[in-house]
Amino acid sequence: MTTVVRPSLLTVLLVLPVCTAGFLFAETLQSPSTLPPWRLRGLIQCLKGSSPIGCDVFACLEQTCEAGGMHRLCKRLLDNGHSFNTQGQVFLKAALPCIARTLTGDLGLLSGSCVELQELVIMAESHCLEEHGICDVAANNTQAIKAIMPVQELLRNRPTYELIRSIMECDEDVRAEFRPDLTAAVGEAVLSVMNKLGLGCWYSMYG
C-alpha cells in the first residue's frame, strides 16, 4: 500500500514564497503603495542626477521606496570585485551601469507605484544580466559569486533572488556548481515536495 506523504503547513509556507516571489517581494515593500507627486519628482531628480557608474542610482530607490535590495547587491558586487577574474570584472563594469541606465531610461513609465518601481528594477536586472553573459561569468567565477550572494537572503532580497534565478537558468554544469548551496539554504525536504507537487518555478533548477 502506497503511503501518501502530505506536506506540512510549515513546508507549504516555505514553498509558496519561492514560487510566488514576484508577488510577495513586491507586496512586502515597507513603503506606501503609491508615491505622492512631490516624492516621485524627487526620485526622478535623484535618478537623473546620479551617475550610472557605482551604486548611486540604486541608492535613490532605497531612499524613495525602501527598495534597497539592488543597492545592497550592488555594494556587495563592487566591494568584492577583486575576487572576480578579468571576465567577471568586465561583466560588473558593464552590467551594473546597464541596470542603472535602463532604469533611468524607463522613468517615463513610472506612475508613482512602489510596486511598479520594484518591477522595473527586476526587469532591468534580468535584461542586463542576460545581455552581458551571466552564465559565462557564473561558470568561471563560481566562488566569487557565492561569496557575494548570501542565499539566506533568497526570500528577503528580490534582486538577490533574481540573480540566483538567472544563474539557475544556465546550463547543467553551471547549475550543478550552485545547487548544493541552494539546497542547504532552502532544504532538501522543501525542494522534494516542490518537485512532487509539480511546482515548476524551481523545477528547472533541480531537474
Protein backbone atom coordinates (compact mmCIF):
# COMPACT_ATOMS: atom_id res chain seq x y z
CA MET A 1 0.00 0.00 0.00
CA THR A 2 1.40 3.34 -1.02
CA THR A 3 1.63 5.96 1.69
CA VAL A 4 0.78 9.46 0.58
CA VAL A 5 3.02 11.99 2.25
CA ARG A 6 1.30 15.30 2.67
CA PRO A 7 3.43 18.40 3.09
CA SER A 8 3.14 20.11 6.45
CA LEU A 9 1.73 23.61 6.71
CA LEU A 10 5.23 24.86 7.53
CA THR A 11 6.61 23.27 4.36
CA VAL A 12 3.87 24.84 2.25
CA LEU A 13 4.55 28.22 3.81
CA LEU A 14 8.21 27.81 2.96
CA VAL A 15 7.49 26.72 -0.60
CA LEU A 16 4.93 29.33 -1.57
CA PRO A 17 7.15 32.39 -1.07
CA VAL A 18 9.67 30.95 -3.52
CA CYS A 19 7.09 30.18 -6.18
CA THR A 20 5.29 33.50 -5.78
CA ALA A 21 8.34 35.59 -5.03
CA GLY A 22 7.45 38.26 -7.56
CA PHE A 23 4.17 38.90 -5.73
CA LEU A 24 5.41 38.58 -2.18
CA PHE A 25 8.52 40.71 -2.52
CA ALA A 26 6.51 43.49 -4.08
CA GLU A 27 3.76 43.29 -1.50
CA THR A 28 6.16 43.41 1.44
CA LEU A 29 7.84 46.66 0.47
CA GLN A 30 7.70 48.73 3.64
CA SER A 31 6.53 51.87 1.92
CA PRO A 32 3.31 53.47 0.65
CA SER A 33 1.84 51.69 -2.35
CA THR A 34 1.73 54.99 -4.24
CA LEU A 35 4.20 57.84 -4.05
CA PRO A 36 2.86 61.39 -3.71
CA PRO A 37 3.71 63.56 -6.74
CA TRP A 38 6.39 65.54 -4.90
CA ARG A 39 8.16 62.36 -3.87
CA LEU A 40 8.01 60.94 -7.38
CA ARG A 41 9.54 64.16 -8.70
CA GLY A 42 12.27 63.82 -6.08
CA LEU A 43 13.00 60.28 -7.24
CA ILE A 44 13.23 61.34 -10.88
CA GLN A 45 15.51 64.23 -9.96
CA CYS A 46 17.70 61.93 -7.87
CA LEU A 47 17.98 59.37 -10.67
CA LYS A 48 18.77 61.98 -13.32
CA GLY A 49 21.48 63.46 -11.12
CA SER A 50 23.13 60.13 -10.33
CA SER A 51 25.99 58.56 -12.23
CA PRO A 52 25.28 55.12 -13.72
CA ILE A 53 28.74 54.14 -12.50
CA GLY A 54 28.64 52.78 -8.97
CA CYS A 55 25.51 52.33 -6.87
CA ASP A 56 24.13 55.89 -6.66
CA VAL A 57 21.10 55.17 -8.84
CA PHE A 58 20.11 52.28 -6.61
CA ALA A 59 20.55 54.45 -3.51
CA CYS A 60 17.82 56.72 -4.92
CA LEU A 61 15.44 53.77 -4.97
CA GLU A 62 16.28 52.84 -1.39
CA GLN A 63 15.57 56.36 -0.19
CA THR A 64 12.28 56.58 -2.07
CA CYS A 65 10.52 53.23 -1.82
CA GLU A 66 12.82 51.42 0.58
CA ALA A 67 13.57 49.14 -2.38
CA GLY A 68 17.13 48.75 -1.16
CA GLY A 69 17.77 45.22 -2.31
CA MET A 70 19.51 46.30 -5.52
CA HIS A 71 21.64 48.80 -3.63
CA ARG A 72 22.86 46.12 -1.20
CA LEU A 73 23.58 43.70 -4.02
CA CYS A 74 25.43 46.38 -6.00
CA LYS A 75 27.60 47.27 -2.99
CA ARG A 76 28.48 43.62 -2.38
CA LEU A 77 29.41 43.14 -6.02
CA LEU A 78 31.65 46.20 -6.16
CA ASP A 79 33.23 45.61 -2.75
CA ASN A 80 34.20 42.10 -3.84
CA GLY A 81 35.05 42.87 -7.45
CA HIS A 82 38.69 41.95 -6.82
CA SER A 83 37.59 38.34 -6.30
CA PHE A 84 36.40 38.06 -9.91
CA ASN A 85 38.63 37.22 -12.83
CA THR A 86 39.09 39.67 -15.71
CA GLN A 87 35.93 38.43 -17.42
CA GLY A 88 33.96 38.90 -14.22
CA GLN A 89 35.29 42.39 -13.62
CA VAL A 90 34.38 43.41 -17.16
CA PHE A 91 30.90 41.99 -16.52
CA LEU A 92 30.46 44.06 -13.34
CA LYS A 93 31.62 47.24 -15.09
CA ALA A 94 29.06 46.65 -17.83
CA ALA A 95 26.05 45.01 -16.16
CA LEU A 96 25.60 47.38 -13.21
CA PRO A 97 25.67 50.56 -15.35
CA CYS A 98 23.35 48.77 -17.79
CA ILE A 99 20.80 48.28 -15.00
CA ALA A 100 21.18 51.89 -13.86
CA ARG A 101 20.81 53.31 -17.38
CA THR A 102 17.84 51.07 -18.15
CA LEU A 103 16.07 52.28 -15.01
CA THR A 104 16.84 55.92 -15.77
CA GLY A 105 15.56 55.44 -19.31
CA ASP A 106 12.31 53.94 -18.02
CA LEU A 107 11.44 56.93 -15.83
CA GLY A 108 8.63 57.90 -18.16
CA LEU A 109 6.90 54.60 -17.41
CA LEU A 110 6.56 55.33 -13.70
CA SER A 111 3.12 56.21 -12.41
CA GLY A 112 4.16 56.58 -8.78
CA SER A 113 3.67 52.99 -7.63
CA CYS A 114 6.40 51.46 -5.45
CA VAL A 115 5.38 48.00 -6.63
CA GLU A 116 5.74 49.15 -10.23
CA LEU A 117 9.16 50.62 -9.42
CA GLN A 118 10.31 47.32 -7.95
CA GLU A 119 9.12 45.52 -11.08
CA LEU A 120 11.13 47.91 -13.25
CA VAL A 121 14.22 47.17 -11.15
CA ILE A 122 13.81 43.42 -11.64
CA MET A 123 13.12 43.71 -15.37
CA ALA A 124 16.22 45.87 -15.82
CA GLU A 125 18.31 43.46 -13.76
CA SER A 126 17.10 40.40 -15.67
CA HIS A 127 17.71 42.05 -19.05
CA CYS A 128 21.21 43.26 -18.22
CA LEU A 129 22.36 40.03 -16.57
CA GLU A 130 21.40 38.10 -19.69
CA GLU A 131 22.72 40.72 -22.11
CA HIS A 132 26.17 40.72 -20.52
CA GLY A 133 26.52 36.96 -20.21
CA ILE A 134 25.77 35.99 -16.62
CA CYS A 135 26.05 32.28 -17.49
CA ASP A 136 29.61 32.52 -18.80
CA VAL A 137 30.60 34.68 -15.84
CA ALA A 138 29.00 32.30 -13.34
CA ALA A 139 30.79 29.34 -14.91
CA ASN A 140 34.19 30.97 -14.44
CA ASN A 141 33.61 32.89 -11.19
CA THR A 142 31.66 30.43 -9.09
CA GLN A 143 33.35 31.08 -5.75
CA ALA A 144 33.39 34.85 -6.23
CA ILE A 145 29.65 34.89 -6.90
CA LYS A 146 28.89 32.61 -3.96
CA ALA A 147 30.81 34.99 -1.70
CA ILE A 148 28.59 37.94 -2.60
CA MET A 149 25.32 36.02 -2.94
CA PRO A 150 24.14 35.12 0.57
CA VAL A 151 21.48 32.53 -0.10
CA GLN A 152 19.83 33.31 3.24
CA GLU A 153 18.56 36.46 1.50
CA LEU A 154 16.77 34.40 -1.11
CA LEU A 155 13.31 35.18 0.25
CA ARG A 156 14.15 38.62 1.62
CA ASN A 157 16.00 40.39 -1.18
CA ARG A 158 14.34 40.17 -4.55
CA PRO A 159 17.37 41.31 -6.62
CA THR A 160 19.40 38.53 -4.96
CA TYR A 161 16.61 36.10 -5.85
CA GLU A 162 16.71 37.35 -9.44
CA LEU A 163 20.48 36.85 -9.63
CA ILE A 164 20.11 33.29 -8.35
CA ARG A 165 17.19 32.62 -10.70
CA SER A 166 19.19 33.87 -13.69
CA ILE A 167 22.14 31.65 -12.81
CA MET A 168 19.91 28.62 -12.27
CA GLU A 169 18.56 29.02 -15.81
CA CYS A 170 22.07 28.43 -17.19
CA ASP A 171 23.24 25.01 -18.38
CA GLU A 172 23.52 21.99 -16.10
CA ASP A 173 27.24 22.41 -15.41
CA VAL A 174 26.65 25.89 -14.01
CA ARG A 175 23.56 24.85 -12.03
CA ALA A 176 25.46 21.95 -10.52
CA GLU A 177 28.01 24.35 -9.03
CA PHE A 178 25.35 26.34 -7.18
CA ARG A 179 22.78 23.63 -6.42
CA PRO A 180 24.38 22.39 -3.14
CA ASP A 181 24.36 25.89 -1.67
CA LEU A 182 20.73 26.43 -2.59
CA THR A 183 19.79 23.02 -1.27
CA ALA A 184 21.45 23.84 2.04
CA ALA A 185 19.63 27.15 2.21
CA VAL A 186 16.15 26.05 1.18
CA GLY A 187 16.25 22.45 2.37
CA GLU A 188 16.10 19.08 0.66
CA ALA A 189 12.61 18.38 2.01
CA VAL A 190 11.14 21.57 0.59
CA LEU A 191 12.76 21.01 -2.81
CA SER A 192 11.49 17.43 -2.90
CA VAL A 193 7.94 18.48 -2.06
CA MET A 194 8.06 21.24 -4.66
CA ASN A 195 9.02 18.76 -7.37
CA LYS A 196 6.39 16.21 -6.24
CA LEU A 197 3.70 18.88 -6.22
CA GLY A 198 4.75 19.96 -9.70
CA LEU A 199 5.67 23.46 -8.64
CA GLY A 200 7.60 24.28 -11.76
CA CYS A 201 9.03 27.62 -10.68
CA TRP A 202 12.16 25.90 -9.38
CA TYR A 203 11.89 22.58 -11.16
CA SER A 204 14.38 23.56 -13.85
CA MET A 205 16.89 24.39 -11.14
CA TYR A 206 16.88 20.90 -9.73
CA GLY A 207 15.65 18.74 -12.59
